[in-house]
C-alpha cells in the first residue's frame, strides 16, 4: 500500500476550505474529484506525477512560492515524484 499524503485542514468556513498537503517521497493523495474551483500554492518545490482517469500520467514541477488554479471537476491522483518531501496549500472556493 502506498503512503498517503497528510492533509491538515486550516480553514473551513462558508467561503473557503484551506488544506495543507504534506507528502513524503512517493506519497499520494489517492484518487479524487474536485467538487469546487481551487488554487494551489507550492510551499516547497513540488515535483508531481498526476495520474489521470484515461490512464495517462503527466509529470509537472510547481516551484516553491508559485500558484495555479483549476476549475471544479478535475479528477486525478497526485503523487510526489521526487526523493524529497513536498508540500502545498490548497484553497477551495465555495
N, C-alpha and C. Protein backbone atom coordinates (compact mmCIF):
# COMPACT_ATOMS: atom_id res chain seq x y z
N UNK A 1 0.84 -1.18 0.00
CA UNK A 1 0.00 0.00 0.00
C UNK A 1 0.88 1.24 0.00
N UNK A 2 0.53 2.21 -0.85
CA UNK A 2 1.29 3.44 -0.96
C UNK A 2 0.95 4.38 0.19
N UNK A 3 1.98 5.07 0.69
CA UNK A 3 1.77 6.03 1.77
C UNK A 3 0.88 7.18 1.29
N UNK A 4 -0.03 7.60 2.14
CA UNK A 4 -0.94 8.70 1.82
C UNK A 4 -0.32 10.04 2.26
N UNK A 5 -0.59 11.08 1.48
CA UNK A 5 -0.20 12.43 1.87
C UNK A 5 -0.97 12.80 3.13
N UNK A 6 -0.37 13.64 3.95
CA UNK A 6 -1.04 14.11 5.17
C UNK A 6 -1.78 15.40 4.84
N UNK A 7 -3.09 15.42 5.06
CA UNK A 7 -3.92 16.60 4.82
C UNK A 7 -4.26 17.25 6.16
N UNK A 8 -3.93 18.53 6.29
CA UNK A 8 -4.22 19.27 7.51
C UNK A 8 -5.15 20.43 7.16
N UNK A 9 -6.37 20.35 7.63
CA UNK A 9 -7.34 21.41 7.35
C UNK A 9 -7.00 22.63 8.20
N UNK A 10 -6.89 23.78 7.54
CA UNK A 10 -6.51 25.02 8.21
C UNK A 10 -7.70 25.95 8.42
N UNK A 11 -8.58 26.02 7.43
CA UNK A 11 -9.79 26.85 7.49
C UNK A 11 -10.89 26.10 6.77
N UNK A 12 -12.10 26.14 7.30
CA UNK A 12 -13.27 25.64 6.59
C UNK A 12 -14.46 26.47 7.06
N UNK A 13 -14.79 27.48 6.27
CA UNK A 13 -15.92 28.35 6.62
C UNK A 13 -16.90 28.41 5.45
N UNK A 14 -17.77 29.37 5.44
CA UNK A 14 -18.79 29.40 4.39
C UNK A 14 -18.26 29.90 3.05
N UNK A 15 -17.00 30.36 2.98
CA UNK A 15 -16.45 30.88 1.72
C UNK A 15 -15.32 30.04 1.14
N UNK A 16 -14.46 29.48 2.01
CA UNK A 16 -13.29 28.72 1.52
C UNK A 16 -13.00 27.53 2.42
N UNK A 17 -12.29 26.57 1.85
CA UNK A 17 -11.68 25.49 2.63
C UNK A 17 -10.19 25.52 2.27
N UNK A 18 -9.35 25.64 3.28
CA UNK A 18 -7.90 25.71 3.08
C UNK A 18 -7.28 24.47 3.73
N UNK A 19 -6.52 23.73 2.93
CA UNK A 19 -5.90 22.49 3.40
C UNK A 19 -4.44 22.46 2.99
N UNK A 20 -3.57 22.12 3.92
CA UNK A 20 -2.16 21.91 3.60
C UNK A 20 -1.95 20.42 3.38
N UNK A 21 -1.24 20.08 2.30
CA UNK A 21 -0.90 18.70 1.99
C UNK A 21 0.61 18.53 2.10
N UNK A 22 1.03 17.54 2.89
CA UNK A 22 2.44 17.21 3.06
C UNK A 22 2.66 15.78 2.57
N UNK A 23 3.63 15.63 1.67
CA UNK A 23 3.91 14.35 1.04
C UNK A 23 5.33 13.90 1.35
N UNK A 24 5.48 12.69 1.84
CA UNK A 24 6.79 12.04 1.88
C UNK A 24 7.13 11.66 0.43
N UNK A 25 8.38 11.35 0.14
CA UNK A 25 8.70 10.88 -1.21
C UNK A 25 7.83 9.67 -1.58
N UNK A 26 7.20 9.72 -2.74
CA UNK A 26 6.36 8.63 -3.21
C UNK A 26 4.94 8.64 -2.68
N UNK A 27 4.63 9.49 -1.71
CA UNK A 27 3.26 9.52 -1.14
C UNK A 27 2.28 10.09 -2.16
N UNK A 28 1.01 9.77 -1.98
CA UNK A 28 -0.03 10.19 -2.93
C UNK A 28 -1.29 10.64 -2.21
N UNK A 29 -2.13 11.37 -2.95
CA UNK A 29 -3.40 11.81 -2.39
C UNK A 29 -4.44 10.71 -2.44
N UNK A 30 -4.31 9.80 -3.39
CA UNK A 30 -5.37 8.87 -3.72
C UNK A 30 -6.29 9.53 -4.74
N UNK A 31 -7.05 8.72 -5.45
CA UNK A 31 -7.95 9.25 -6.48
C UNK A 31 -9.02 10.13 -5.85
N UNK A 32 -9.26 11.28 -6.48
CA UNK A 32 -10.29 12.20 -6.01
C UNK A 32 -10.75 13.09 -7.15
N UNK A 33 -11.94 13.64 -6.99
CA UNK A 33 -12.52 14.59 -7.94
C UNK A 33 -12.79 15.88 -7.18
N UNK A 34 -12.34 16.99 -7.73
CA UNK A 34 -12.53 18.29 -7.09
C UNK A 34 -13.96 18.79 -7.32
N UNK A 35 -14.68 19.00 -6.24
CA UNK A 35 -16.07 19.46 -6.31
C UNK A 35 -16.18 20.98 -6.35
N UNK A 36 -15.05 21.67 -6.18
CA UNK A 36 -15.03 23.14 -6.19
C UNK A 36 -13.84 23.64 -7.00
N UNK A 37 -13.94 24.86 -7.52
CA UNK A 37 -12.76 25.52 -8.08
C UNK A 37 -11.72 25.60 -6.98
N UNK A 38 -10.43 25.58 -7.37
CA UNK A 38 -9.39 25.61 -6.33
C UNK A 38 -8.11 26.26 -6.83
N UNK A 39 -7.31 26.69 -5.86
CA UNK A 39 -5.99 27.29 -6.10
C UNK A 39 -4.99 26.51 -5.27
N UNK A 40 -3.87 26.18 -5.88
CA UNK A 40 -2.76 25.51 -5.19
C UNK A 40 -1.59 26.48 -5.10
N UNK A 41 -0.96 26.59 -3.93
CA UNK A 41 0.28 27.34 -3.78
C UNK A 41 1.33 26.39 -3.22
N UNK A 42 2.44 26.26 -3.94
CA UNK A 42 3.52 25.36 -3.52
C UNK A 42 4.30 25.97 -2.36
N UNK A 43 4.46 25.21 -1.29
CA UNK A 43 5.28 25.61 -0.16
C UNK A 43 6.73 25.23 -0.44
N UNK A 44 6.92 24.06 -1.02
CA UNK A 44 8.24 23.57 -1.45
C UNK A 44 8.18 23.41 -2.96
N UNK A 45 9.32 23.16 -3.59
CA UNK A 45 9.27 22.74 -4.99
C UNK A 45 8.47 21.44 -5.02
N UNK A 46 7.49 21.38 -5.90
CA UNK A 46 6.62 20.20 -5.98
C UNK A 46 6.81 19.52 -7.33
N UNK A 47 7.45 18.36 -7.30
CA UNK A 47 7.62 17.54 -8.50
C UNK A 47 6.53 16.47 -8.43
N UNK A 48 5.47 16.69 -9.21
CA UNK A 48 4.27 15.87 -9.10
C UNK A 48 4.06 14.98 -10.32
N UNK A 49 3.63 13.77 -10.04
CA UNK A 49 3.14 12.87 -11.09
C UNK A 49 1.62 12.85 -10.93
N UNK A 50 0.91 13.20 -11.98
CA UNK A 50 -0.55 13.25 -11.96
C UNK A 50 -1.08 12.07 -12.76
N UNK A 51 -1.75 11.16 -12.11
CA UNK A 51 -2.41 10.05 -12.79
C UNK A 51 -3.81 10.51 -13.16
N UNK A 52 -4.19 10.32 -14.42
CA UNK A 52 -5.46 10.81 -14.94
C UNK A 52 -6.40 9.65 -15.25
N UNK A 53 -7.71 9.92 -15.28
CA UNK A 53 -8.70 8.85 -15.47
C UNK A 53 -8.54 8.06 -16.78
N UNK A 54 -7.96 8.67 -17.81
CA UNK A 54 -7.80 7.95 -19.08
C UNK A 54 -6.58 7.04 -19.10
N UNK A 55 -5.89 6.93 -17.94
CA UNK A 55 -4.74 6.04 -17.84
C UNK A 55 -3.40 6.71 -18.12
N UNK A 56 -3.42 7.97 -18.52
CA UNK A 56 -2.17 8.68 -18.78
C UNK A 56 -1.64 9.29 -17.50
N UNK A 57 -0.36 9.66 -17.54
CA UNK A 57 0.25 10.38 -16.42
C UNK A 57 0.97 11.61 -16.97
N UNK A 58 0.97 12.66 -16.19
CA UNK A 58 1.73 13.88 -16.51
C UNK A 58 2.67 14.14 -15.35
N UNK A 59 3.88 14.58 -15.67
CA UNK A 59 4.82 15.00 -14.65
C UNK A 59 4.97 16.51 -14.75
N UNK A 60 4.77 17.19 -13.63
CA UNK A 60 4.87 18.65 -13.60
C UNK A 60 5.69 19.07 -12.39
N UNK A 61 6.32 20.22 -12.51
CA UNK A 61 7.03 20.83 -11.39
C UNK A 61 6.41 22.18 -11.13
N UNK A 62 6.01 22.40 -9.89
CA UNK A 62 5.48 23.70 -9.45
C UNK A 62 6.52 24.25 -8.47
N UNK A 63 7.24 25.31 -8.86
CA UNK A 63 8.27 25.86 -7.98
C UNK A 63 7.69 26.43 -6.68
N UNK A 64 8.44 26.33 -5.61
CA UNK A 64 8.02 26.88 -4.32
C UNK A 64 7.61 28.34 -4.49
N UNK A 65 6.49 28.70 -3.86
CA UNK A 65 6.02 30.08 -3.88
C UNK A 65 5.14 30.43 -5.06
N UNK A 66 4.93 29.50 -5.99
CA UNK A 66 4.08 29.79 -7.14
C UNK A 66 2.73 29.11 -6.97
N UNK A 67 1.75 29.59 -7.74
CA UNK A 67 0.38 29.12 -7.62
C UNK A 67 -0.20 28.79 -8.98
N UNK A 68 -1.24 27.97 -8.97
CA UNK A 68 -2.06 27.76 -10.16
C UNK A 68 -3.49 27.50 -9.71
N UNK A 69 -4.44 27.66 -10.64
CA UNK A 69 -5.84 27.42 -10.31
C UNK A 69 -6.46 26.49 -11.32
N UNK A 70 -7.48 25.77 -10.87
CA UNK A 70 -8.22 24.84 -11.73
C UNK A 70 -9.71 24.95 -11.42
N UNK A 71 -10.52 24.59 -12.40
CA UNK A 71 -11.96 24.58 -12.22
C UNK A 71 -12.40 23.27 -11.56
N UNK A 72 -13.57 23.30 -10.95
CA UNK A 72 -14.12 22.08 -10.37
C UNK A 72 -14.21 21.00 -11.44
N UNK A 73 -14.21 19.76 -10.99
CA UNK A 73 -14.35 18.63 -11.90
C UNK A 73 -13.07 17.89 -12.21
N UNK A 74 -11.92 18.48 -11.87
CA UNK A 74 -10.64 17.80 -12.10
C UNK A 74 -10.62 16.51 -11.30
N UNK A 75 -10.22 15.43 -11.96
CA UNK A 75 -10.11 14.13 -11.30
C UNK A 75 -8.71 13.59 -11.53
N UNK A 76 -8.05 13.17 -10.44
CA UNK A 76 -6.68 12.68 -10.56
C UNK A 76 -6.19 12.07 -9.24
N UNK A 77 -5.00 11.49 -9.33
CA UNK A 77 -4.24 11.06 -8.16
C UNK A 77 -2.93 11.81 -8.24
N UNK A 78 -2.55 12.52 -7.19
CA UNK A 78 -1.32 13.31 -7.16
C UNK A 78 -0.27 12.54 -6.35
N UNK A 79 0.91 12.35 -6.95
CA UNK A 79 1.99 11.58 -6.33
C UNK A 79 3.23 12.46 -6.26
N UNK A 80 3.94 12.41 -5.13
CA UNK A 80 5.23 13.08 -5.03
C UNK A 80 6.23 12.26 -5.83
N UNK A 81 6.68 12.81 -6.96
CA UNK A 81 7.57 12.08 -7.86
C UNK A 81 9.05 12.33 -7.57
N UNK A 82 9.36 12.98 -6.45
CA UNK A 82 10.76 13.25 -6.14
C UNK A 82 11.21 12.44 -4.93
N UNK A 83 12.49 12.57 -4.62
CA UNK A 83 13.03 11.88 -3.44
C UNK A 83 13.10 12.81 -2.22
N UNK A 84 12.41 13.95 -2.32
CA UNK A 84 12.35 14.93 -1.23
C UNK A 84 10.90 15.12 -0.80
N UNK A 85 10.65 15.48 0.45
CA UNK A 85 9.28 15.81 0.86
C UNK A 85 8.76 17.00 0.05
N UNK A 86 7.46 17.07 -0.14
CA UNK A 86 6.86 18.23 -0.81
C UNK A 86 5.59 18.63 -0.07
N UNK A 87 5.27 19.92 -0.19
CA UNK A 87 4.08 20.46 0.48
C UNK A 87 3.44 21.54 -0.39
N UNK A 88 2.11 21.58 -0.34
CA UNK A 88 1.39 22.69 -0.96
C UNK A 88 0.15 22.98 -0.15
N UNK A 89 -0.39 24.19 -0.36
CA UNK A 89 -1.64 24.61 0.28
C UNK A 89 -2.69 24.73 -0.80
N UNK A 90 -3.83 24.11 -0.56
CA UNK A 90 -4.96 24.15 -1.49
C UNK A 90 -6.06 25.01 -0.90
N UNK A 91 -6.55 25.96 -1.67
CA UNK A 91 -7.69 26.80 -1.28
C UNK A 91 -8.84 26.47 -2.21
N UNK A 92 -9.91 25.89 -1.64
CA UNK A 92 -11.11 25.57 -2.41
C UNK A 92 -12.10 26.70 -2.25
N UNK A 93 -12.68 27.16 -3.36
CA UNK A 93 -13.61 28.29 -3.36
C UNK A 93 -15.03 27.79 -3.34
N UNK A 94 -15.74 28.10 -2.26
CA UNK A 94 -17.12 27.62 -2.10
C UNK A 94 -18.11 28.52 -2.81
